[in-house]
Amino acid sequence: IFPSIEKALGWFARHIGPHGVVADLPHWHFHDWAALGRHGEATTLNAQLAGSYRAAARLARALEAQRSAREYEGRADRIVAALIERAWDDARAVYVDGVDPGTGVRDRRVSQHANAAMMLWGGAPPARWPSMIAAITDPRRLVFTAAPPIVPTGGDFDPERHVVLANTF
């Protein structure tokens, strides 16, 4: 199945923008039935893609395809390097859901998804984890959001105060 994996990852590589991450993906991307950020340089998507590149690199090494392994590790490293600071909101000590690729303006929306993805795959420095975990597990901040058509309604969401709660996925 490795050729199919390479084909899928190649599709994403064609959508990497000038800042080293996928920007303005032309299709809706699914992570959960929740209103997490899916525009611009989407943090959850890019962190997951970095994790996918690392998994592909491990597979390539197992198949003795060293050149492919190096390429996938390099792609993952470039995504992580871009995400670590571009999506970090220092004032709130969390990762935001996305960044406008043209202006560099960070989205105000914060989700459990983006912050968990940054810890799992996006290279968030461990020193940042306590503030991230505190923010995304604070029950006063968590809001169940609408994600039509499956989840047609949700709570009132203030992107300055609230965090998108993970839903069924």
C-alpha atoms as a PDB file:
ATOM      1  CA  ILE A   1       0.000   0.000   0.000  1.00  0.00           C
ATOM      2  CA  PHE A   2       3.002   2.311   0.238  1.00  0.00           C
ATOM      3  CA  PRO A   3       2.557   3.663  -3.328  1.00  0.00           C
ATOM      4  CA  SER A   4      -1.008   4.688  -2.422  1.00  0.00           C
ATOM      5  CA  ILE A   5       0.235   6.408   0.726  1.00  0.00           C
ATOM      6  CA  GLU A   6       2.815   8.285  -1.328  1.00  0.00           C
ATOM      7  CA  LYS A   7       0.144   9.337  -3.828  1.00  0.00           C
ATOM      8  CA  ALA A   8      -2.102  10.688  -1.057  1.00  0.00           C
ATOM      9  CA  LEU A   9       0.742  12.577   0.605  1.00  0.00           C
ATOM     10  CA  GLY A  10       1.805  13.931  -2.784  1.00  0.00           C
ATOM     11  CA  TRP A  11      -1.652  15.453  -3.198  1.00  0.00           C
ATOM     12  CA  PHE A  12      -1.215  17.381   0.054  1.00  0.00           C
ATOM     13  CA  ALA A  13       2.304  18.446  -0.918  1.00  0.00           C
ATOM     14  CA  ARG A  14       0.841  20.295  -3.915  1.00  0.00           C
ATOM     15  CA  HIS A  15      -1.198  22.461  -1.517  1.00  0.00           C
ATOM     16  CA  ILE A  16       1.680  23.631   0.667  1.00  0.00           C
ATOM     17  CA  GLY A  17       1.845  27.409   0.629  1.00  0.00           C
ATOM     18  CA  PRO A  18       4.697  29.889   0.941  1.00  0.00           C
ATOM     19  CA  HIS A  19       4.984  29.445   4.729  1.00  0.00           C
ATOM     20  CA  GLY A  20       5.662  25.698   4.542  1.00  0.00           C
ATOM     21  CA  VAL A  21       2.186  24.487   5.508  1.00  0.00           C
ATOM     22  CA  VAL A  22      -0.984  23.558   3.651  1.00  0.00           C
ATOM     23  CA  ALA A  23      -2.896  26.775   3.073  1.00  0.00           C
ATOM     24  CA  ASP A  24      -6.462  27.281   1.850  1.00  0.00           C
ATOM     25  CA  LEU A  25      -7.159  23.646   1.094  1.00  0.00           C
ATOM     26  CA  PRO A  26      -9.715  23.692  -1.738  1.00  0.00           C
ATOM     27  CA  HIS A  27     -11.898  21.074  -0.059  1.00  0.00           C
ATOM     28  CA  TRP A  28     -13.635  20.774   3.296  1.00  0.00           C
ATOM     29  CA  HIS A  29     -11.490  18.680   5.609  1.00  0.00           C
ATOM     30  CA  PHE A  30     -13.013  16.579   8.332  1.00  0.00           C
ATOM     31  CA  HIS A  31     -11.579  16.047  11.784  1.00  0.00           C
ATOM     32  CA  ASP A  32     -14.694  16.052  13.941  1.00  0.00           C
ATOM     33  CA  TRP A  33     -18.304  17.199  13.938  1.00  0.00           C
ATOM     34  CA  ALA A  34     -17.319  20.452  15.635  1.00  0.00           C
ATOM     35  CA  ALA A  35     -16.735  24.002  14.440  1.00  0.00           C
ATOM     36  CA  LEU A  36     -12.957  23.969  14.506  1.00  0.00           C
ATOM     37  CA  GLY A  37     -10.997  26.156  12.111  1.00  0.00           C
ATOM     38  CA  ARG A  38     -10.720  24.850   8.572  1.00  0.00           C
ATOM     39  CA  HIS A  39      -9.588  27.963   6.702  1.00  0.00           C
ATOM     40  CA  GLY A  40      -6.211  29.413   5.833  1.00  0.00           C
ATOM     41  CA  GLU A  41      -3.359  27.562   7.471  1.00  0.00           C
ATOM     42  CA  ALA A  42      -5.497  25.159   9.527  1.00  0.00           C
ATOM     43  CA  THR A  43      -3.524  24.038  12.582  1.00  0.00           C
ATOM     44  CA  THR A  44      -5.223  20.673  13.154  1.00  0.00           C
ATOM     45  CA  LEU A  45      -4.867  19.661   9.501  1.00  0.00           C
ATOM     46  CA  ASN A  46      -1.215  20.670   9.301  1.00  0.00           C
ATOM     47  CA  ALA A  47      -0.202  19.038  12.586  1.00  0.00           C
ATOM     48  CA  GLN A  48      -1.914  15.831  11.495  1.00  0.00           C
ATOM     49  CA  LEU A  49      -0.177  16.041   8.128  1.00  0.00           C
ATOM     50  CA  ALA A  50       3.196  16.370   9.884  1.00  0.00           C
ATOM     51  CA  GLY A  51       2.333  13.208  11.820  1.00  0.00           C
ATOM     52  CA  SER A  52       1.380  11.474   8.587  1.00  0.00           C
ATOM     53  CA  TYR A  53       4.692  12.415   6.993  1.00  0.00           C
ATOM     54  CA  ARG A  54       6.553  11.013  10.007  1.00  0.00           C
ATOM     55  CA  ALA A  55       4.555   7.768   9.800  1.00  0.00           C
ATOM     56  CA  ALA A  56       5.342   7.552   6.074  1.00  0.00           C
ATOM     57  CA  ALA A  57       9.032   8.087   6.854  1.00  0.00           C
ATOM     58  CA  ARG A  58       8.957   5.148   9.288  1.00  0.00           C
ATOM     59  CA  LEU A  59       7.316   2.980   6.638  1.00  0.00           C
ATOM     60  CA  ALA A  60       9.848   4.104   4.032  1.00  0.00           C
ATOM     61  CA  ARG A  61      12.738   3.177   6.324  1.00  0.00           C
ATOM     62  CA  ALA A  62      11.160  -0.259   6.917  1.00  0.00           C
ATOM     63  CA  LEU A  63      10.995  -0.659   3.130  1.00  0.00           C
ATOM     64  CA  GLU A  64      14.612   0.503   2.811  1.00  0.00           C
ATOM     65  CA  ALA A  65      13.529   3.572   0.824  1.00  0.00           C
ATOM     66  CA  GLN A  66      15.918   5.956   2.548  1.00  0.00           C
ATOM     67  CA  ARG A  67      15.487   8.830   0.097  1.00  0.00           C
ATOM     68  CA  SER A  68      11.704   8.804   0.619  1.00  0.00           C
ATOM     69  CA  ALA A  69      12.199   8.593   4.381  1.00  0.00           C
ATOM     70  CA  ARG A  70      14.436  11.679   4.336  1.00  0.00           C
ATOM     71  CA  GLU A  71      11.952  13.548   2.124  1.00  0.00           C
ATOM     72  CA  TYR A  72       9.011  12.800   4.433  1.00  0.00           C
ATOM     73  CA  GLU A  73      10.970  13.712   7.565  1.00  0.00           C
ATOM     74  CA  GLY A  74      11.975  16.974   5.901  1.00  0.00           C
ATOM     75  CA  ARG A  75       8.380  17.789   4.997  1.00  0.00           C
ATOM     76  CA  ALA A  76       7.271  17.067   8.571  1.00  0.00           C
ATOM     77  CA  ASP A  77      10.096  19.201   9.981  1.00  0.00           C
ATOM     78  CA  ARG A  78       9.144  22.155   7.748  1.00  0.00           C
ATOM     79  CA  ILE A  79       5.485  21.981   8.771  1.00  0.00           C
ATOM     80  CA  VAL A  80       6.357  21.764  12.460  1.00  0.00           C
ATOM     81  CA  ALA A  81       8.838  24.644  12.194  1.00  0.00           C
ATOM     82  CA  ALA A  82       6.151  26.844  10.661  1.00  0.00           C
ATOM     83  CA  LEU A  83       3.355  25.852  13.048  1.00  0.00           C
ATOM     84  CA  ILE A  84       5.244  26.197  16.303  1.00  0.00           C
ATOM     85  CA  GLU A  85       5.321  29.989  16.154  1.00  0.00           C
ATOM     86  CA  ARG A  86       2.806  30.979  13.451  1.00  0.00           C
ATOM     87  CA  ALA A  87      -0.154  29.383  15.245  1.00  0.00           C
ATOM     88  CA  TRP A  88       0.966  30.145  18.821  1.00  0.00           C
ATOM     89  CA  ASP A  89      -0.994  32.821  20.685  1.00  0.00           C
ATOM     90  CA  ASP A  90       1.442  33.941  23.359  1.00  0.00           C
ATOM     91  CA  ALA A  91      -1.111  36.097  25.194  1.00  0.00           C
ATOM     92  CA  ARG A  92      -3.492  33.154  25.685  1.00  0.00           C
ATOM     93  CA  ALA A  93      -0.762  30.472  25.790  1.00  0.00           C
ATOM     94  CA  VAL A  94      -2.544  28.195  23.310  1.00  0.00           C
ATOM     95  CA  TYR A  95      -2.444  27.304  19.648  1.00  0.00           C
ATOM     96  CA  VAL A  96      -5.159  28.898  17.546  1.00  0.00           C
ATOM     97  CA  ASP A  97      -7.103  27.029  14.892  1.00  0.00           C
ATOM     98  CA  GLY A  98      -5.531  28.772  11.932  1.00  0.00           C
ATOM     99  CA  VAL A  99      -3.538  31.595  10.430  1.00  0.00           C
ATOM    100  CA  ASP A 100      -4.383  33.782   7.459  1.00  0.00           C
ATOM    101  CA  PRO A 101      -1.666  32.906   4.917  1.00  0.00           C
ATOM    102  CA  GLY A 102      -1.726  36.360   3.322  1.00  0.00           C
ATOM    103  CA  THR A 103      -1.571  38.536   6.417  1.00  0.00           C
ATOM    104  CA  GLY A 104      -0.219  36.197   9.101  1.00  0.00           C
ATOM    105  CA  VAL A 105      -3.133  37.172  11.357  1.00  0.00           C
ATOM    106  CA  ARG A 106      -3.998  34.396  13.780  1.00  0.00           C
ATOM    107  CA  ASP A 107      -7.582  33.194  13.998  1.00  0.00           C
ATOM    108  CA  ARG A 108      -9.112  33.896  17.414  1.00  0.00           C
ATOM    109  CA  ARG A 109     -10.784  30.466  17.503  1.00  0.00           C
ATOM    110  CA  VAL A 110      -9.155  27.883  19.773  1.00  0.00           C
ATOM    111  CA  SER A 111     -10.087  24.201  19.820  1.00  0.00           C
ATOM    112  CA  GLN A 112      -9.221  21.119  21.774  1.00  0.00           C
ATOM    113  CA  HIS A 113      -8.403  19.632  18.373  1.00  0.00           C
ATOM    114  CA  ALA A 114      -5.645  22.061  17.379  1.00  0.00           C
ATOM    115  CA  ASN A 115      -3.927  21.956  20.743  1.00  0.00           C
ATOM    116  CA  ALA A 116      -4.076  18.163  21.062  1.00  0.00           C
ATOM    117  CA  ALA A 117      -2.810  17.815  17.486  1.00  0.00           C
ATOM    118  CA  MET A 118       0.088  20.144  18.246  1.00  0.00           C
ATOM    119  CA  MET A 119       1.060  18.019  21.247  1.00  0.00           C
ATOM    120  CA  LEU A 120       0.688  14.745  19.341  1.00  0.00           C
ATOM    121  CA  TRP A 121       2.135  15.608  15.933  1.00  0.00           C
ATOM    122  CA  GLY A 122       2.929  19.319  15.663  1.00  0.00           C
ATOM    123  CA  GLY A 123       5.987  19.584  17.819  1.00  0.00           C
ATOM    124  CA  ALA A 124       4.546  21.860  20.507  1.00  0.00           C
ATOM    125  CA  PRO A 125       7.366  22.357  23.015  1.00  0.00           C
ATOM    126  CA  PRO A 126       6.611  20.391  26.207  1.00  0.00           C
ATOM    127  CA  ALA A 127       7.092  23.582  28.262  1.00  0.00           C
ATOM    128  CA  ARG A 128       3.899  24.890  26.609  1.00  0.00           C
ATOM    129  CA  TRP A 129       1.818  21.809  27.339  1.00  0.00           C
ATOM    130  CA  PRO A 130       0.646  22.790  30.861  1.00  0.00           C
ATOM    131  CA  SER A 131      -0.960  26.031  29.654  1.00  0.00           C
ATOM    132  CA  MET A 132      -2.446  24.290  26.624  1.00  0.00           C
ATOM    133  CA  ILE A 133      -3.908  21.476  28.708  1.00  0.00           C
ATOM    134  CA  ALA A 134      -5.282  23.918  31.285  1.00  0.00           C
ATOM    135  CA  ALA A 135      -7.039  25.917  28.563  1.00  0.00           C
ATOM    136  CA  ILE A 136      -8.507  22.997  26.629  1.00  0.00           C
ATOM    137  CA  THR A 137      -9.773  21.155  29.713  1.00  0.00           C
ATOM    138  CA  ASP A 138     -11.287  24.119  31.582  1.00  0.00           C
ATOM    139  CA  PRO A 139     -15.019  23.240  31.740  1.00  0.00           C
ATOM    140  CA  ARG A 140     -15.948  26.953  31.942  1.00  0.00           C
ATOM    141  CA  ARG A 141     -14.410  27.537  28.515  1.00  0.00           C
ATOM    142  CA  LEU A 142     -15.545  24.431  26.616  1.00  0.00           C
ATOM    143  CA  VAL A 143     -18.422  24.873  24.172  1.00  0.00           C
ATOM    144  CA  PHE A 144     -20.192  22.236  22.114  1.00  0.00           C
ATOM    145  CA  THR A 145     -20.358  23.878  18.682  1.00  0.00           C
ATOM    146  CA  ALA A 146     -22.586  23.405  15.670  1.00  0.00           C
ATOM    147  CA  ALA A 147     -21.204  21.569  12.636  1.00  0.00           C
ATOM    148  CA  PRO A 148     -24.015  21.185  10.107  1.00  0.00           C
ATOM    149  CA  PRO A 149     -25.400  19.018   8.680  1.00  0.00           C
ATOM    150  CA  ILE A 150     -24.762  16.382  11.363  1.00  0.00           C
ATOM    151  CA  VAL A 151     -24.647  18.716  14.369  1.00  0.00           C
ATOM    152  CA  PRO A 152     -27.081  21.504  13.426  1.00  0.00           C
ATOM    153  CA  THR A 153     -26.984  23.427  16.728  1.00  0.00           C
ATOM    154  CA  GLY A 154     -24.479  24.289  19.392  1.00  0.00           C
ATOM    155  CA  GLY A 155     -23.804  26.704  22.214  1.00  0.00           C
ATOM    156  CA  ASP A 156     -22.980  30.388  21.922  1.00  0.00           C
ATOM    157  CA  PHE A 157     -19.307  30.679  21.106  1.00  0.00           C
ATOM    158  CA  ASP A 158     -17.063  33.646  21.879  1.00  0.00           C
ATOM    159  CA  PRO A 159     -13.672  33.037  20.235  1.00  0.00           C
ATOM    160  CA  GLU A 160     -11.981  35.305  22.778  1.00  0.00           C
ATOM    161  CA  ARG A 161     -13.087  33.181  25.761  1.00  0.00           C
ATOM    162  CA  HIS A 162     -14.217  29.780  24.606  1.00  0.00           C
ATOM    163  CA  VAL A 163     -12.608  26.591  23.350  1.00  0.00           C
ATOM    164  CA  VAL A 164     -14.250  24.298  20.784  1.00  0.00           C
ATOM    165  CA  LEU A 165     -15.098  21.056  22.554  1.00  0.00           C
ATOM    166  CA  ALA A 166     -14.233  17.801  20.804  1.00  0.00           C
ATOM    167  CA  ASN A 167     -17.332  15.963  19.637  1.00  0.00           C
ATOM    168  CA  THR A 168     -17.879  12.378  18.508  1.00  0.00           C
ATOM    169  CA  PHE A 169     -14.564  11.915  16.710  1.00  0.00           C
END
